[in-house]
Amino acid sequence: MSFTAQDVKKLRDITGVGMMDCKKALVDTNGDIDKAIELLREKGMATAAKRAGRIASQGIVDSYIHLGGRIGVLLEVNCETDFVAKGDLFKTFVHDLTLQIAAGNPLYISKEDVPADVVEHEKHILRAQIANDPNLAKKPDKVIQNMIDGRIGKFYQEVCLLEQSFIKDTNMKIGDLLIDTIAKTGEKISIRRFVRYEMGEGLEKKVCDLASEVEEQIAKMNQ
């Protein structure tokens, strides 16, 4: 399959990777843009792995306050150099994370951050639910274990920032966005910590879907 200069530009616009790397990816994938995107992401994962041992002591602290002051997010993300920390790409990445945290309400950064007792508690609840369902309880043990593993995977997608679907592009996870940003900046990037405040949290109040309101506000910002 052949490709044109416009295909190279399109791939660069999608991935943010340099023109020569985009051209090579298209050559390696015989002009298939989707496969080229996947190839560049795999290379980005390799870049992230190589830089995992580096020290990321620079970065920024960013915040997001939902319109009306109903949700607030404070986030620290680290990188290797002050040069990258001051760049638009890094700043945009960090700000997108604050929007994600406001809308997605994650409790942890990664799966590794979830305490073992929390995971075991979720599994206990799932086992009880299956045992109380006559149709599911009759399933073979292997099938039941696969069901539990699948539901735990969904649990991680709900509570872990890196496992959540990116609100601006649901075809990619935040973990993918992190890898892409590492590949584009050429530096180790670490999401260190965050805190999310919700007005009236813990107080008895009228139920409302604040996460949906945040997403609607972001959609208006992107129009």
C-alpha atoms as a PDB file:
ATOM      1  CA  MET A   1       0.000   0.000   0.000  1.00  0.00           C
ATOM      2  CA  SER A   2       1.436   3.401  -0.977  1.00  0.00           C
ATOM      3  CA  PHE A   3       1.104   6.592   1.034  1.00  0.00           C
ATOM      4  CA  THR A   4       1.351  10.317   0.398  1.00  0.00           C
ATOM      5  CA  ALA A   5       2.849  13.329   2.128  1.00  0.00           C
ATOM      6  CA  GLN A   6      -0.645  14.090   3.398  1.00  0.00           C
ATOM      7  CA  ASP A   7      -0.702  10.670   5.100  1.00  0.00           C
ATOM      8  CA  VAL A   8       2.581  11.491   6.813  1.00  0.00           C
ATOM      9  CA  LYS A   9       1.194  14.851   7.967  1.00  0.00           C
ATOM     10  CA  LYS A  10      -2.015  13.199   9.176  1.00  0.00           C
ATOM     11  CA  LEU A  11      -0.025  10.671  11.201  1.00  0.00           C
ATOM     12  CA  ARG A  12       2.085  13.465  12.674  1.00  0.00           C
ATOM     13  CA  ASP A  13      -1.032  15.455  13.618  1.00  0.00           C
ATOM     14  CA  ILE A  14      -2.515  12.400  15.334  1.00  0.00           C
ATOM     15  CA  THR A  15       0.593  11.290  17.225  1.00  0.00           C
ATOM     16  CA  GLY A  16       2.718  14.430  17.559  1.00  0.00           C
ATOM     17  CA  VAL A  17       5.760  12.384  16.481  1.00  0.00           C
ATOM     18  CA  GLY A  18       8.369  13.831  14.086  1.00  0.00           C
ATOM     19  CA  MET A  19       7.840  13.674  10.316  1.00  0.00           C
ATOM     20  CA  MET A  20      10.728  11.280   9.672  1.00  0.00           C
ATOM     21  CA  ASP A  21       9.543   8.852  12.342  1.00  0.00           C
ATOM     22  CA  CYS A  22       6.013   9.031  10.921  1.00  0.00           C
ATOM     23  CA  LYS A  23       7.306   8.337   7.422  1.00  0.00           C
ATOM     24  CA  LYS A  24       9.349   5.354   8.651  1.00  0.00           C
ATOM     25  CA  ALA A  25       6.332   3.989  10.531  1.00  0.00           C
ATOM     26  CA  LEU A  26       4.235   4.172   7.356  1.00  0.00           C
ATOM     27  CA  VAL A  27       6.981   2.436   5.398  1.00  0.00           C
ATOM     28  CA  ASP A  28       7.196  -0.309   8.028  1.00  0.00           C
ATOM     29  CA  THR A  29       3.406  -0.795   8.022  1.00  0.00           C
ATOM     30  CA  ASN A  30       2.977  -0.592   4.234  1.00  0.00           C
ATOM     31  CA  GLY A  31       1.058   2.680   4.445  1.00  0.00           C
ATOM     32  CA  ASP A  32      -1.544   1.515   6.991  1.00  0.00           C
ATOM     33  CA  ILE A  33      -2.140   4.546   9.234  1.00  0.00           C
ATOM     34  CA  ASP A  34      -3.861   2.581  12.020  1.00  0.00           C
ATOM     35  CA  LYS A  35      -0.984   0.107  12.199  1.00  0.00           C
ATOM     36  CA  ALA A  36       1.501   2.993  12.045  1.00  0.00           C
ATOM     37  CA  ILE A  37      -0.183   4.633  15.044  1.00  0.00           C
ATOM     38  CA  GLU A  38       0.036   1.351  16.955  1.00  0.00           C
ATOM     39  CA  LEU A  39       3.704   0.963  15.996  1.00  0.00           C
ATOM     40  CA  LEU A  40       4.551   4.465  17.204  1.00  0.00           C
ATOM     41  CA  ARG A  41       2.707   3.824  20.472  1.00  0.00           C
ATOM     42  CA  GLU A  42       4.692   0.625  20.969  1.00  0.00           C
ATOM     43  CA  LYS A  43       7.883   2.599  20.443  1.00  0.00           C
ATOM     44  CA  GLY A  44       6.580   5.121  22.942  1.00  0.00           C
ATOM     45  CA  MET A  45       6.121   2.319  25.467  1.00  0.00           C
ATOM     46  CA  ALA A  46       9.727   1.268  24.855  1.00  0.00           C
ATOM     47  CA  THR A  47      10.859   4.850  25.417  1.00  0.00           C
ATOM     48  CA  ALA A  48       8.896   4.987  28.667  1.00  0.00           C
ATOM     49  CA  ALA A  49      10.489   1.737  29.840  1.00  0.00           C
ATOM     50  CA  LYS A  50      14.000   3.015  29.069  1.00  0.00           C
ATOM     51  CA  ARG A  51      13.394   6.182  31.063  1.00  0.00           C
ATOM     52  CA  ALA A  52      11.715   4.507  34.037  1.00  0.00           C
ATOM     53  CA  GLY A  53      14.933   4.590  36.076  1.00  0.00           C
ATOM     54  CA  ARG A  54      15.615   8.274  35.520  1.00  0.00           C
ATOM     55  CA  ILE A  55      14.984  10.925  38.155  1.00  0.00           C
ATOM     56  CA  ALA A  56      12.028  13.229  37.537  1.00  0.00           C
ATOM     57  CA  SER A  57      12.470  16.087  39.997  1.00  0.00           C
ATOM     58  CA  GLN A  58      11.074  18.964  37.946  1.00  0.00           C
ATOM     59  CA  GLY A  59       7.458  19.535  36.918  1.00  0.00           C
ATOM     60  CA  ILE A  60       4.455  21.592  37.904  1.00  0.00           C
ATOM     61  CA  VAL A  61       1.510  21.682  40.268  1.00  0.00           C
ATOM     62  CA  ASP A  62      -1.716  22.478  38.447  1.00  0.00           C
ATOM     63  CA  SER A  63      -5.293  23.001  39.586  1.00  0.00           C
ATOM     64  CA  TYR A  64      -8.779  22.969  38.151  1.00  0.00           C
ATOM     65  CA  ILE A  65     -11.872  24.477  39.697  1.00  0.00           C
ATOM     66  CA  HIS A  66     -15.170  23.428  38.188  1.00  0.00           C
ATOM     67  CA  LEU A  67     -17.460  26.298  37.201  1.00  0.00           C
ATOM     68  CA  GLY A  68     -19.247  27.474  40.320  1.00  0.00           C
ATOM     69  CA  GLY A  69     -16.588  26.122  42.654  1.00  0.00           C
ATOM     70  CA  ARG A  70     -18.268  22.735  43.121  1.00  0.00           C
ATOM     71  CA  ILE A  71     -15.248  20.532  42.372  1.00  0.00           C
ATOM     72  CA  GLY A  72     -11.570  21.322  42.860  1.00  0.00           C
ATOM     73  CA  VAL A  73      -8.484  19.347  41.836  1.00  0.00           C
ATOM     74  CA  LEU A  74      -4.841  19.844  42.813  1.00  0.00           C
ATOM     75  CA  LEU A  75      -2.254  17.746  40.963  1.00  0.00           C
ATOM     76  CA  GLU A  76       1.539  17.342  40.891  1.00  0.00           C
ATOM     77  CA  VAL A  77       3.233  15.851  37.813  1.00  0.00           C
ATOM     78  CA  ASN A  78       7.006  15.516  37.527  1.00  0.00           C
ATOM     79  CA  CYS A  79       9.392  15.476  34.569  1.00  0.00           C
ATOM     80  CA  GLU A  80      13.184  15.556  34.191  1.00  0.00           C
ATOM     81  CA  THR A  81      13.897  19.152  33.144  1.00  0.00           C
ATOM     82  CA  ASP A  82      12.548  22.618  33.721  1.00  0.00           C
ATOM     83  CA  PHE A  83      12.570  23.118  29.933  1.00  0.00           C
ATOM     84  CA  VAL A  84       9.922  20.425  29.423  1.00  0.00           C
ATOM     85  CA  ALA A  85       7.986  21.535  32.501  1.00  0.00           C
ATOM     86  CA  LYS A  86       7.546  24.991  30.957  1.00  0.00           C
ATOM     87  CA  GLY A  87       6.535  23.627  27.539  1.00  0.00           C
ATOM     88  CA  ASP A  88       2.981  23.787  26.205  1.00  0.00           C
ATOM     89  CA  LEU A  89       2.842  20.021  25.574  1.00  0.00           C
ATOM     90  CA  PHE A  90       3.596  19.156  29.197  1.00  0.00           C
ATOM     91  CA  LYS A  91       1.318  21.864  30.557  1.00  0.00           C
ATOM     92  CA  THR A  92      -1.551  20.700  28.359  1.00  0.00           C
ATOM     93  CA  PHE A  93      -1.009  17.109  29.473  1.00  0.00           C
ATOM     94  CA  VAL A  94      -1.096  18.071  33.146  1.00  0.00           C
ATOM     95  CA  HIS A  95      -4.163  20.246  32.731  1.00  0.00           C
ATOM     96  CA  ASP A  96      -5.966  17.453  30.878  1.00  0.00           C
ATOM     97  CA  LEU A  97      -5.238  15.247  33.861  1.00  0.00           C
ATOM     98  CA  THR A  98      -6.878  17.728  36.229  1.00  0.00           C
ATOM     99  CA  LEU A  99      -9.996  17.671  34.035  1.00  0.00           C
ATOM    100  CA  GLN A 100      -9.895  13.870  34.007  1.00  0.00           C
ATOM    101  CA  ILE A 101      -9.647  13.695  37.791  1.00  0.00           C
ATOM    102  CA  ALA A 102     -12.513  16.148  38.199  1.00  0.00           C
ATOM    103  CA  ALA A 103     -14.778  14.137  35.882  1.00  0.00           C
ATOM    104  CA  GLY A 104     -13.583  10.576  36.542  1.00  0.00           C
ATOM    105  CA  ASN A 105     -13.085  10.844  40.316  1.00  0.00           C
ATOM    106  CA  PRO A 106     -10.272   8.251  40.530  1.00  0.00           C
ATOM    107  CA  LEU A 107      -9.108   7.139  43.958  1.00  0.00           C
ATOM    108  CA  TYR A 108      -5.638   5.930  42.968  1.00  0.00           C
ATOM    109  CA  ILE A 109      -3.062   6.643  40.273  1.00  0.00           C
ATOM    110  CA  SER A 110      -2.319   3.056  39.190  1.00  0.00           C
ATOM    111  CA  LYS A 111      -3.417  -0.514  39.885  1.00  0.00           C
ATOM    112  CA  GLU A 112      -0.284  -0.978  41.972  1.00  0.00           C
ATOM    113  CA  ASP A 113      -1.465   1.768  44.315  1.00  0.00           C
ATOM    114  CA  VAL A 114      -4.685  -0.060  45.244  1.00  0.00           C
ATOM    115  CA  PRO A 115      -4.196  -1.732  48.658  1.00  0.00           C
ATOM    116  CA  ALA A 116      -4.407  -5.536  48.592  1.00  0.00           C
ATOM    117  CA  ASP A 117      -7.158  -5.548  51.202  1.00  0.00           C
ATOM    118  CA  VAL A 118      -9.294  -3.266  49.029  1.00  0.00           C
ATOM    119  CA  VAL A 119      -8.951  -5.619  46.058  1.00  0.00           C
ATOM    120  CA  GLU A 120      -9.705  -8.644  48.234  1.00  0.00           C
ATOM    121  CA  HIS A 121     -12.781  -6.896  49.619  1.00  0.00           C
ATOM    122  CA  GLU A 122     -14.063  -6.316  46.081  1.00  0.00           C
ATOM    123  CA  LYS A 123     -13.428  -9.966  45.218  1.00  0.00           C
ATOM    124  CA  HIS A 124     -15.303 -11.040  48.354  1.00  0.00           C
ATOM    125  CA  ILE A 125     -18.326  -8.982  47.304  1.00  0.00           C
ATOM    126  CA  LEU A 126     -18.202 -10.437  43.784  1.00  0.00           C
ATOM    127  CA  ARG A 127     -17.983 -13.996  45.076  1.00  0.00           C
ATOM    128  CA  ALA A 128     -20.993 -13.367  47.309  1.00  0.00           C
ATOM    129  CA  GLN A 129     -22.985 -11.921  44.412  1.00  0.00           C
ATOM    130  CA  ILE A 130     -22.181 -14.933  42.242  1.00  0.00           C
ATOM    131  CA  ALA A 131     -23.021 -17.376  45.049  1.00  0.00           C
ATOM    132  CA  ASN A 132     -26.404 -15.715  45.495  1.00  0.00           C
ATOM    133  CA  ASP A 133     -27.244 -15.966  41.788  1.00  0.00           C
ATOM    134  CA  PRO A 134     -28.529 -19.515  41.034  1.00  0.00           C
ATOM    135  CA  ASN A 135     -27.530 -19.274  37.372  1.00  0.00           C
ATOM    136  CA  LEU A 136     -23.998 -18.049  38.034  1.00  0.00           C
ATOM    137  CA  ALA A 137     -23.329 -20.277  41.057  1.00  0.00           C
ATOM    138  CA  LYS A 138     -23.600 -23.393  38.861  1.00  0.00           C
ATOM    139  CA  LYS A 139     -20.805 -22.251  36.558  1.00  0.00           C
ATOM    140  CA  PRO A 140     -17.447 -24.101  36.654  1.00  0.00           C
ATOM    141  CA  ASP A 141     -14.820 -22.662  39.007  1.00  0.00           C
ATOM    142  CA  LYS A 142     -12.640 -21.534  36.087  1.00  0.00           C
ATOM    143  CA  VAL A 143     -15.531 -19.611  34.539  1.00  0.00           C
ATOM    144  CA  ILE A 144     -16.361 -17.994  37.877  1.00  0.00           C
ATOM    145  CA  GLN A 145     -12.713 -16.974  38.343  1.00  0.00           C
ATOM    146  CA  ASN A 146     -12.666 -15.431  34.864  1.00  0.00           C
ATOM    147  CA  MET A 147     -15.822 -13.487  35.755  1.00  0.00           C
ATOM    148  CA  ILE A 148     -14.230 -12.197  38.935  1.00  0.00           C
ATOM    149  CA  ASP A 149     -11.030 -11.219  37.098  1.00  0.00           C
ATOM    150  CA  GLY A 150     -13.087  -9.378  34.475  1.00  0.00           C
ATOM    151  CA  ARG A 151     -15.062  -7.456  37.073  1.00  0.00           C
ATOM    152  CA  ILE A 152     -11.904  -6.577  38.994  1.00  0.00           C
ATOM    153  CA  GLY A 153     -10.555  -5.189  35.709  1.00  0.00           C
ATOM    154  CA  LYS A 154     -13.605  -2.956  35.463  1.00  0.00           C
ATOM    155  CA  PHE A 155     -13.096  -1.941  39.099  1.00  0.00           C
ATOM    156  CA  TYR A 156      -9.559  -0.806  38.254  1.00  0.00           C
ATOM    157  CA  GLN A 157     -10.928   1.197  35.301  1.00  0.00           C
ATOM    158  CA  GLU A 158     -13.230   3.030  37.692  1.00  0.00           C
ATOM    159  CA  VAL A 159     -10.832   3.821  40.541  1.00  0.00           C
ATOM    160  CA  CYS A 160      -7.377   4.077  38.885  1.00  0.00           C
ATOM    161  CA  LEU A 161      -6.467   7.197  36.925  1.00  0.00           C
ATOM    162  CA  LEU A 162      -4.150   5.410  34.468  1.00  0.00           C
ATOM    163  CA  GLU A 163      -6.834   2.817  33.686  1.00  0.00           C
ATOM    164  CA  GLN A 164      -9.614   5.314  32.954  1.00  0.00           C
ATOM    165  CA  SER A 165     -10.680   6.205  29.416  1.00  0.00           C
ATOM    166  CA  PHE A 166      -9.493   9.699  28.478  1.00  0.00           C
ATOM    167  CA  ILE A 167     -12.497  12.039  28.532  1.00  0.00           C
ATOM    168  CA  LYS A 168     -11.274  13.847  25.405  1.00  0.00           C
ATOM    169  CA  ASP A 169     -10.644  10.612  23.473  1.00  0.00           C
ATOM    170  CA  THR A 170     -12.358   7.529  24.890  1.00  0.00           C
ATOM    171  CA  ASN A 171     -10.411   5.288  22.502  1.00  0.00           C
ATOM    172  CA  MET A 172      -7.323   5.685  24.679  1.00  0.00           C
ATOM    173  CA  LYS A 173      -6.610   5.266  28.363  1.00  0.00           C
ATOM    174  CA  ILE A 174      -4.828   7.833  30.504  1.00  0.00           C
ATOM    175  CA  GLY A 175      -1.950   5.347  30.663  1.00  0.00           C
ATOM    176  CA  ASP A 176      -1.706   5.521  26.857  1.00  0.00           C
ATOM    177  CA  LEU A 177      -1.783   9.316  27.013  1.00  0.00           C
ATOM    178  CA  LEU A 178       1.086   9.227  29.522  1.00  0.00           C
ATOM    179  CA  ILE A 179       3.156   6.951  27.280  1.00  0.00           C
ATOM    180  CA  ASP A 180       2.490   9.164  24.258  1.00  0.00           C
ATOM    181  CA  THR A 181       3.565  12.260  26.199  1.00  0.00           C
ATOM    182  CA  ILE A 182       6.764  10.545  27.371  1.00  0.00           C
ATOM    183  CA  ALA A 183       7.525   9.633  23.762  1.00  0.00           C
ATOM    184  CA  LYS A 184       6.907  13.185  22.545  1.00  0.00           C
ATOM    185  CA  THR A 185       8.909  14.925  25.275  1.00  0.00           C
ATOM    186  CA  GLY A 186      11.673  12.327  25.456  1.00  0.00           C
ATOM    187  CA  GLU A 187      11.630  12.541  29.258  1.00  0.00           C
ATOM    188  CA  LYS A 188      10.435  10.446  32.155  1.00  0.00           C
ATOM    189  CA  ILE A 189       7.092  11.761  33.399  1.00  0.00           C
ATOM    190  CA  SER A 190       5.612  10.749  36.729  1.00  0.00           C
ATOM    191  CA  ILE A 191       2.130  11.498  38.051  1.00  0.00           C
ATOM    192  CA  ARG A 192       3.079  11.910  41.675  1.00  0.00           C
ATOM    193  CA  ARG A 193      -0.066  12.813  43.605  1.00  0.00           C
ATOM    194  CA  PHE A 194      -3.442  14.477  43.437  1.00  0.00           C
ATOM    195  CA  VAL A 195      -6.329  15.477  45.628  1.00  0.00           C
ATOM    196  CA  ARG A 196      -9.925  16.033  44.551  1.00  0.00           C
ATOM    197  CA  TYR A 197     -12.395  18.068  46.575  1.00  0.00           C
ATOM    198  CA  GLU A 198     -16.123  17.994  46.037  1.00  0.00           C
ATOM    199  CA  MET A 199     -18.248  20.711  47.605  1.00  0.00           C
ATOM    200  CA  GLY A 200     -20.281  19.297  50.494  1.00  0.00           C
ATOM    201  CA  GLU A 201     -18.565  15.905  50.303  1.00  0.00           C
ATOM    202  CA  GLY A 202     -19.546  13.799  53.293  1.00  0.00           C
ATOM    203  CA  LEU A 203     -22.525  15.996  54.082  1.00  0.00           C
ATOM    204  CA  GLU A 204     -26.117  14.993  53.485  1.00  0.00           C
ATOM    205  CA  LYS A 205     -27.231  16.698  50.290  1.00  0.00           C
ATOM    206  CA  LYS A 206     -29.355  16.382  47.178  1.00  0.00           C
ATOM    207  CA  VAL A 207     -27.938  13.781  44.799  1.00  0.00           C
ATOM    208  CA  CYS A 208     -26.535  15.235  41.563  1.00  0.00           C
ATOM    209  CA  ASP A 209     -24.183  13.991  38.864  1.00  0.00           C
ATOM    210  CA  LEU A 210     -21.248  16.394  39.157  1.00  0.00           C
ATOM    211  CA  ALA A 211     -19.029  14.265  36.942  1.00  0.00           C
ATOM    212  CA  SER A 212     -21.480  14.664  34.043  1.00  0.00           C
ATOM    213  CA  GLU A 213     -21.569  18.405  34.643  1.00  0.00           C
ATOM    214  CA  VAL A 214     -17.762  18.549  34.414  1.00  0.00           C
ATOM    215  CA  GLU A 215     -17.816  16.616  31.132  1.00  0.00           C
ATOM    216  CA  GLU A 216     -20.481  18.963  29.736  1.00  0.00           C
ATOM    217  CA  GLN A 217     -18.376  21.965  30.723  1.00  0.00           C
ATOM    218  CA  ILE A 218     -15.294  20.469  29.020  1.00  0.00           C
ATOM    219  CA  ALA A 219     -17.331  19.816  25.879  1.00  0.00           C
ATOM    220  CA  LYS A 220     -18.371  23.488  25.802  1.00  0.00           C
ATOM    221  CA  MET A 221     -14.725  24.539  26.205  1.00  0.00           C
ATOM    222  CA  ASN A 222     -13.751  22.417  23.194  1.00  0.00           C
ATOM    223  CA  GLN A 223     -16.446  23.852  20.892  1.00  0.00           C
END
